[in-house]
Amino acid sequence: MKQSQVYRIDLTKIEGDGDFPCPNCGAVISPDDETEDVYVILETKLKGEVLQELVIQCNRCKSKIHLTGFLSSPTNESTIEEDTEEPKR
């Protein structure tokens, strides 16, 4: 029986909008994919309310991927939206 591979990926070291290829088979893993066709989430590790690590498994090759490097503070999306809105006159 073939043993699944285990990889670690630091998200702060990848470029783009969060998509990355599986280190073993090259399947594109996207944080926007909510279908679980490409990967499944196996474990979520929190420190308080902050996401520290996410363990996912590639559905194509069954490799386990430990994702680290999540932002420790909430994103500024709401701030950006507020800044870009034109004031009503």
N, C-alpha and C. Protein backbone atom coordinates (compact mmCIF):
# COMPACT_ATOMS: atom_id res chain seq x y z
N MET A 1 0.84 -1.19 0.00
CA MET A 1 0.00 0.00 0.00
C MET A 1 0.89 1.25 0.00
N LYS A 2 0.56 2.19 -0.84
CA LYS A 2 1.35 3.43 -0.95
C LYS A 2 0.99 4.37 0.20
N GLN A 3 2.01 4.89 0.87
CA GLN A 3 1.79 5.80 1.98
C GLN A 3 1.60 7.22 1.44
N SER A 4 0.64 7.94 2.01
CA SER A 4 0.41 9.32 1.55
C SER A 4 1.56 10.20 2.03
N GLN A 5 1.87 11.21 1.24
CA GLN A 5 2.94 12.15 1.56
C GLN A 5 2.41 13.25 2.48
N VAL A 6 3.31 13.84 3.26
CA VAL A 6 2.95 14.95 4.14
C VAL A 6 3.82 16.14 3.78
N TYR A 7 3.19 17.29 3.60
CA TYR A 7 3.89 18.52 3.21
C TYR A 7 3.51 19.65 4.15
N ARG A 8 4.38 20.66 4.22
CA ARG A 8 4.09 21.88 4.97
C ARG A 8 4.23 23.06 4.00
N ILE A 9 3.24 23.93 4.01
CA ILE A 9 3.27 25.11 3.14
C ILE A 9 3.00 26.34 4.00
N ASP A 10 3.92 27.31 3.93
CA ASP A 10 3.75 28.58 4.61
C ASP A 10 3.09 29.53 3.62
N LEU A 11 1.86 29.91 3.89
CA LEU A 11 1.09 30.74 2.96
C LEU A 11 1.68 32.13 2.77
N THR A 12 2.53 32.58 3.70
CA THR A 12 3.15 33.89 3.53
C THR A 12 4.23 33.85 2.45
N LYS A 13 4.63 32.65 2.04
CA LYS A 13 5.70 32.53 1.05
C LYS A 13 5.19 32.22 -0.36
N ILE A 14 3.87 32.15 -0.53
CA ILE A 14 3.35 31.92 -1.88
C ILE A 14 2.81 33.22 -2.44
N GLU A 15 2.87 33.35 -3.75
CA GLU A 15 2.39 34.56 -4.41
C GLU A 15 0.99 34.33 -4.93
N GLY A 16 0.29 35.43 -5.23
CA GLY A 16 -1.04 35.32 -5.80
C GLY A 16 -2.12 35.46 -4.75
N ASP A 17 -3.29 34.92 -5.06
CA ASP A 17 -4.45 35.11 -4.19
C ASP A 17 -4.77 33.89 -3.32
N GLY A 18 -3.78 33.05 -3.11
CA GLY A 18 -3.97 31.91 -2.22
C GLY A 18 -4.02 30.56 -2.91
N ASP A 19 -4.17 30.53 -4.23
CA ASP A 19 -4.14 29.26 -4.95
C ASP A 19 -2.72 28.72 -4.99
N PHE A 20 -2.58 27.41 -4.87
CA PHE A 20 -1.26 26.79 -4.98
C PHE A 20 -1.43 25.36 -5.47
N PRO A 21 -0.42 24.83 -6.16
CA PRO A 21 -0.51 23.44 -6.61
C PRO A 21 -0.16 22.47 -5.49
N CYS A 22 -0.80 21.32 -5.50
CA CYS A 22 -0.43 20.27 -4.56
C CYS A 22 1.04 19.94 -4.81
N PRO A 23 1.85 19.89 -3.76
CA PRO A 23 3.29 19.63 -3.95
C PRO A 23 3.58 18.25 -4.54
N ASN A 24 2.63 17.33 -4.47
CA ASN A 24 2.86 15.99 -4.97
C ASN A 24 2.34 15.80 -6.39
N CYS A 25 1.06 16.15 -6.63
CA CYS A 25 0.46 15.85 -7.94
C CYS A 25 0.16 17.08 -8.79
N GLY A 26 0.23 18.28 -8.21
CA GLY A 26 0.02 19.49 -8.98
C GLY A 26 -1.42 19.95 -9.09
N ALA A 27 -2.36 19.26 -8.45
CA ALA A 27 -3.76 19.70 -8.47
C ALA A 27 -3.84 21.10 -7.85
N VAL A 28 -4.57 22.00 -8.49
CA VAL A 28 -4.66 23.37 -7.99
C VAL A 28 -5.62 23.43 -6.81
N ILE A 29 -5.08 23.86 -5.67
CA ILE A 29 -5.85 23.98 -4.44
C ILE A 29 -6.16 25.45 -4.23
N SER A 30 -7.44 25.76 -4.15
CA SER A 30 -7.87 27.15 -4.03
C SER A 30 -8.68 27.35 -2.76
N PRO A 31 -8.40 28.43 -2.01
CA PRO A 31 -9.20 28.69 -0.81
C PRO A 31 -10.64 29.03 -1.14
N ASP A 32 -10.91 29.40 -2.39
CA ASP A 32 -12.28 29.74 -2.80
C ASP A 32 -13.11 28.51 -3.14
N ASP A 33 -12.47 27.34 -3.28
CA ASP A 33 -13.17 26.11 -3.64
C ASP A 33 -13.86 25.54 -2.41
N GLU A 34 -15.18 25.61 -2.39
CA GLU A 34 -15.94 25.10 -1.25
C GLU A 34 -16.61 23.77 -1.58
N THR A 35 -16.28 23.17 -2.72
CA THR A 35 -16.96 21.96 -3.17
C THR A 35 -16.36 20.69 -2.59
N GLU A 36 -15.13 20.74 -2.10
CA GLU A 36 -14.38 19.58 -1.62
C GLU A 36 -14.12 18.58 -2.74
N ASP A 37 -14.14 19.04 -3.99
CA ASP A 37 -13.79 18.17 -5.13
C ASP A 37 -12.28 17.95 -5.18
N VAL A 38 -11.49 18.98 -4.88
CA VAL A 38 -10.04 18.91 -5.00
C VAL A 38 -9.39 18.53 -3.68
N TYR A 39 -9.90 19.05 -2.58
CA TYR A 39 -9.31 18.77 -1.27
C TYR A 39 -10.38 18.77 -0.19
N VAL A 40 -10.05 18.17 0.95
CA VAL A 40 -10.92 18.22 2.12
C VAL A 40 -10.11 18.73 3.31
N ILE A 41 -10.79 19.42 4.21
CA ILE A 41 -10.14 19.91 5.43
C ILE A 41 -10.21 18.79 6.47
N LEU A 42 -9.04 18.40 6.97
CA LEU A 42 -8.97 17.33 7.97
C LEU A 42 -8.95 17.88 9.39
N GLU A 43 -8.26 19.00 9.58
CA GLU A 43 -8.11 19.53 10.94
C GLU A 43 -7.89 21.03 10.90
N THR A 44 -8.46 21.71 11.87
CA THR A 44 -8.28 23.15 12.04
C THR A 44 -7.66 23.38 13.41
N LYS A 45 -6.50 24.02 13.45
CA LYS A 45 -5.83 24.28 14.72
C LYS A 45 -5.89 25.77 15.03
N LEU A 46 -6.49 26.10 16.17
CA LEU A 46 -6.65 27.49 16.58
C LEU A 46 -5.80 27.77 17.81
N LYS A 47 -5.39 29.02 17.93
CA LYS A 47 -4.78 29.50 19.18
C LYS A 47 -5.67 30.64 19.62
N GLY A 48 -6.52 30.37 20.60
CA GLY A 48 -7.56 31.32 20.94
C GLY A 48 -8.57 31.32 19.80
N GLU A 49 -8.76 32.49 19.19
CA GLU A 49 -9.66 32.57 18.04
C GLU A 49 -8.89 32.75 16.74
N VAL A 50 -7.57 32.62 16.79
CA VAL A 50 -6.73 32.85 15.62
C VAL A 50 -6.36 31.50 14.97
N LEU A 51 -6.57 31.40 13.68
CA LEU A 51 -6.22 30.19 12.94
C LEU A 51 -4.71 30.07 12.85
N GLN A 52 -4.17 28.97 13.37
CA GLN A 52 -2.72 28.73 13.35
C GLN A 52 -2.32 27.81 12.21
N GLU A 53 -3.11 26.75 12.01
CA GLU A 53 -2.75 25.75 11.01
C GLU A 53 -4.01 25.07 10.50
N LEU A 54 -3.98 24.73 9.24
CA LEU A 54 -5.07 23.99 8.61
C LEU A 54 -4.45 22.77 7.98
N VAL A 55 -5.00 21.60 8.25
CA VAL A 55 -4.51 20.37 7.65
C VAL A 55 -5.54 19.94 6.61
N ILE A 56 -5.10 19.86 5.36
CA ILE A 56 -5.99 19.46 4.29
C ILE A 56 -5.44 18.21 3.61
N GLN A 57 -6.28 17.54 2.85
CA GLN A 57 -5.84 16.37 2.10
C GLN A 57 -6.26 16.53 0.65
N CYS A 58 -5.31 16.37 -0.25
CA CYS A 58 -5.58 16.41 -1.68
C CYS A 58 -6.39 15.17 -2.04
N ASN A 59 -7.50 15.36 -2.73
CA ASN A 59 -8.34 14.23 -3.10
C ASN A 59 -7.74 13.41 -4.24
N ARG A 60 -6.87 14.01 -5.04
CA ARG A 60 -6.30 13.29 -6.17
C ARG A 60 -5.23 12.29 -5.73
N CYS A 61 -4.28 12.75 -4.88
CA CYS A 61 -3.15 11.88 -4.51
C CYS A 61 -3.15 11.50 -3.03
N LYS A 62 -4.10 12.03 -2.27
CA LYS A 62 -4.24 11.75 -0.83
C LYS A 62 -3.10 12.30 0.03
N SER A 63 -2.31 13.24 -0.51
CA SER A 63 -1.26 13.88 0.29
C SER A 63 -1.89 14.76 1.35
N LYS A 64 -1.27 14.80 2.52
CA LYS A 64 -1.71 15.69 3.59
C LYS A 64 -0.84 16.94 3.55
N ILE A 65 -1.48 18.10 3.62
CA ILE A 65 -0.78 19.37 3.51
C ILE A 65 -1.10 20.20 4.75
N HIS A 66 -0.06 20.57 5.49
CA HIS A 66 -0.21 21.42 6.67
C HIS A 66 0.02 22.86 6.22
N LEU A 67 -1.01 23.69 6.31
CA LEU A 67 -0.92 25.09 5.89
C LEU A 67 -0.71 25.98 7.11
N THR A 68 0.31 26.82 7.06
CA THR A 68 0.58 27.78 8.13
C THR A 68 0.74 29.16 7.51
N GLY A 69 0.90 30.17 8.34
CA GLY A 69 1.14 31.52 7.85
C GLY A 69 -0.13 32.31 7.62
N PHE A 70 -1.20 31.96 8.34
CA PHE A 70 -2.44 32.73 8.21
C PHE A 70 -2.27 34.08 8.88
N LEU A 71 -3.03 35.06 8.43
CA LEU A 71 -2.96 36.39 9.02
C LEU A 71 -3.44 36.31 10.46
N SER A 72 -2.71 36.95 11.36
CA SER A 72 -3.09 36.90 12.77
C SER A 72 -4.13 37.95 13.13
N SER A 73 -4.38 38.88 12.22
CA SER A 73 -5.41 39.88 12.47
C SER A 73 -6.46 39.78 11.37
N PRO A 74 -7.68 40.22 11.66
CA PRO A 74 -8.73 40.16 10.64
C PRO A 74 -8.34 40.99 9.42
N THR A 75 -8.84 40.58 8.26
CA THR A 75 -8.52 41.32 7.04
C THR A 75 -9.18 42.68 7.08
N ASN A 76 -8.66 43.59 6.27
CA ASN A 76 -9.18 44.95 6.26
C ASN A 76 -10.19 45.17 5.15
N GLU A 77 -10.90 44.11 4.76
CA GLU A 77 -11.85 44.24 3.66
C GLU A 77 -12.90 45.31 3.94
N SER A 78 -13.46 45.32 5.15
CA SER A 78 -14.50 46.30 5.44
C SER A 78 -13.92 47.72 5.40
N THR A 79 -12.69 47.89 5.87
CA THR A 79 -12.05 49.19 5.83
C THR A 79 -11.84 49.63 4.39
N ILE A 80 -11.40 48.69 3.55
CA ILE A 80 -11.17 49.01 2.15
C ILE A 80 -12.48 49.41 1.49
N GLU A 81 -13.54 48.67 1.77
CA GLU A 81 -14.84 49.00 1.18
C GLU A 81 -15.29 50.39 1.61
N GLU A 82 -15.11 50.71 2.88
CA GLU A 82 -15.52 52.02 3.37
C GLU A 82 -14.70 53.12 2.70
N ASP A 83 -13.41 52.89 2.52
CA ASP A 83 -12.55 53.91 1.92
C ASP A 83 -12.87 54.15 0.46
N THR A 84 -13.39 53.13 -0.24
CA THR A 84 -13.60 53.28 -1.68
C THR A 84 -14.99 53.79 -2.02
N GLU A 85 -15.89 53.82 -1.03
CA GLU A 85 -17.23 54.30 -1.32
C GLU A 85 -17.21 55.82 -1.46
N GLU A 86 -17.95 56.29 -2.46
CA GLU A 86 -18.07 57.73 -2.67
C GLU A 86 -19.10 58.28 -1.69
N PRO A 87 -18.83 59.40 -1.08
CA PRO A 87 -19.83 59.98 -0.18
C PRO A 87 -21.05 60.44 -0.97
N LYS A 88 -22.23 60.23 -0.38
CA LYS A 88 -23.47 60.66 -1.05
C LYS A 88 -23.67 62.14 -0.77
N ARG A 89 -24.07 62.87 -1.81
CA ARG A 89 -24.26 64.31 -1.67
C ARG A 89 -25.72 64.66 -1.76
